[in-house]
Protein backbone atom coordinates (compact mmCIF):
# COMPACT_ATOMS: atom_id res chain seq x y z
CA UNK A 1 -21.52 64.81 42.15
CA UNK A 2 -24.31 65.48 44.38
CA UNK A 3 -27.98 64.69 44.12
CA UNK A 4 -27.62 62.31 41.23
CA UNK A 5 -30.60 60.03 40.86
CA UNK A 6 -30.16 56.77 39.08
CA UNK A 7 -33.01 55.19 37.15
CA UNK A 8 -34.22 51.66 37.65
CA UNK A 9 -31.71 49.02 36.73
CA UNK A 10 -32.46 47.15 33.53
CA UNK A 11 -32.70 43.43 33.68
CA UNK A 12 -31.19 41.36 31.04
CA UNK A 13 -32.99 38.15 30.15
CA UNK A 14 -30.76 35.27 29.34
CA UNK A 15 -32.34 33.23 26.59
CA UNK A 16 -30.66 30.06 27.84
CA UNK A 17 -32.21 30.46 31.29
CA UNK A 18 -35.59 31.26 29.77
CA UNK A 19 -35.52 28.14 27.59
CA UNK A 20 -34.48 26.02 30.56
CA UNK A 21 -37.31 27.44 32.68
CA UNK A 22 -39.85 26.82 29.91
CA UNK A 23 -38.60 23.24 29.59
CA UNK A 24 -38.97 22.74 33.36
CA UNK A 25 -42.48 24.16 33.22
CA UNK A 26 -43.44 21.82 30.36
CA UNK A 27 -42.01 18.85 32.25
CA UNK A 28 -43.89 19.85 35.42
CA UNK A 29 -47.16 20.18 33.48
CA UNK A 30 -46.63 16.75 31.86
CA UNK A 31 -45.89 15.22 35.27
CA UNK A 32 -49.01 16.82 36.72
CA UNK A 33 -51.12 15.46 33.84
CA UNK A 34 -49.67 11.97 34.36
CA UNK A 35 -50.38 12.16 38.09
CA UNK A 36 -53.96 13.24 37.37
CA UNK A 37 -54.40 10.22 35.10
CA UNK A 38 -52.99 7.95 37.81
CA UNK A 39 -55.37 9.44 40.38
CA UNK A 40 -58.32 8.89 38.03
CA UNK A 41 -57.25 5.31 37.44
CA UNK A 42 -56.92 4.67 41.16
CA UNK A 43 -60.33 6.20 41.80
CA UNK A 44 -61.85 3.85 39.24
CA UNK A 45 -60.11 0.90 40.87
CA UNK A 46 -61.39 1.95 44.29
CA UNK A 47 -64.94 2.29 42.93
CA UNK A 48 -64.69 -1.19 41.42
CA UNK A 49 -63.39 -2.65 44.68
CA UNK A 50 -66.15 -0.93 46.64
CA UNK A 51 -68.73 -2.46 44.29
CA UNK A 52 -67.15 -5.89 44.76
CA UNK A 53 -67.20 -5.50 48.54
CA UNK A 54 -70.83 -4.36 48.44
CA UNK A 55 -71.75 -7.41 46.34
CA UNK A 56 -69.92 -9.74 48.72
CA UNK A 57 -71.62 -8.11 51.71
CA UNK A 58 -75.00 -8.69 50.08
CA UNK A 59 -74.14 -12.30 49.33
CA UNK A 60 -72.91 -12.83 52.89
CA UNK A 61 -76.10 -11.35 54.28
CA UNK A 62 -78.25 -13.58 52.09
CA UNK A 63 -76.25 -16.66 53.04
CA UNK A 64 -76.57 -15.79 56.73
CA UNK A 65 -80.34 -15.53 56.35
CA UNK A 66 -80.43 -18.88 54.56
CA UNK A 67 -78.29 -20.41 57.31
CA UNK A 68 -80.65 -19.13 60.01
CA UNK A 69 -83.58 -20.62 58.12
CA UNK A 70 -81.78 -23.98 57.74
CA UNK A 71 -80.84 -23.94 61.44
CA UNK A 72 -84.50 -23.40 62.33
CA UNK A 73 -85.48 -26.27 60.02
CA UNK A 74 -82.86 -28.51 61.59
CA UNK A 75 -84.10 -27.67 65.08
CA UNK A 76 -87.66 -28.56 64.04
CA UNK A 77 -86.51 -31.87 62.53
CA UNK A 78 -84.55 -32.71 65.68
CA UNK A 79 -87.60 -31.98 67.83
CA UNK A 80 -89.74 -34.21 65.62
CA UNK A 81 -87.10 -36.96 65.79
CA UNK A 82 -87.03 -36.70 69.58
CA UNK A 83 -90.83 -37.05 69.70
CA UNK A 84 -90.69 -40.08 67.40
CA UNK A 85 -88.03 -41.72 69.55
CA UNK A 86 -90.05 -40.98 72.66
CA UNK A 87 -93.15 -42.61 71.13
CA UNK A 88 -91.06 -45.60 70.06
CA UNK A 89 -89.77 -46.03 73.63
CA UNK A 90 -93.31 -45.69 74.97
CA UNK A 91 -94.58 -48.24 72.44
CA UNK A 92 -91.82 -50.66 73.36
CA UNK A 93 -92.58 -50.24 77.04
CA UNK A 94 -96.29 -50.69 76.42
CA UNK A 95 -95.73 -53.83 74.37
CA UNK A 96 -93.55 -55.25 77.16
CA UNK A 97 -96.39 -54.73 79.63
CA UNK A 98 -99.09 -56.13 77.40
CA UNK A 99 -99.71 -59.83 77.64
CA UNK A 100 -98.26 -61.90 74.85
CA UNK A 101 -100.84 -63.15 72.33
CA UNK A 102 -101.67 -66.83 72.62
């Protein structure tokens, strides 16, 4: 037999393999959906944590400003106290030099 041409081979679909493949596809789609939900949940958690950090940063900044103001107040009070002590020492020295009343 010469010059015999064969046609394309026919494939036979096994229904068991097809059902198994469909089941795997369904499982993969369900897994993908679950992973998407987990990702969304994690994104929401991250957004919430970022908000919390932003709030704490704001609070920290405000407290630092208040601390600087209180430090400035304290420095002013200390200066005033030093001046008062200096005047008290001068007054004591002056009273020691003044003649005692008779």
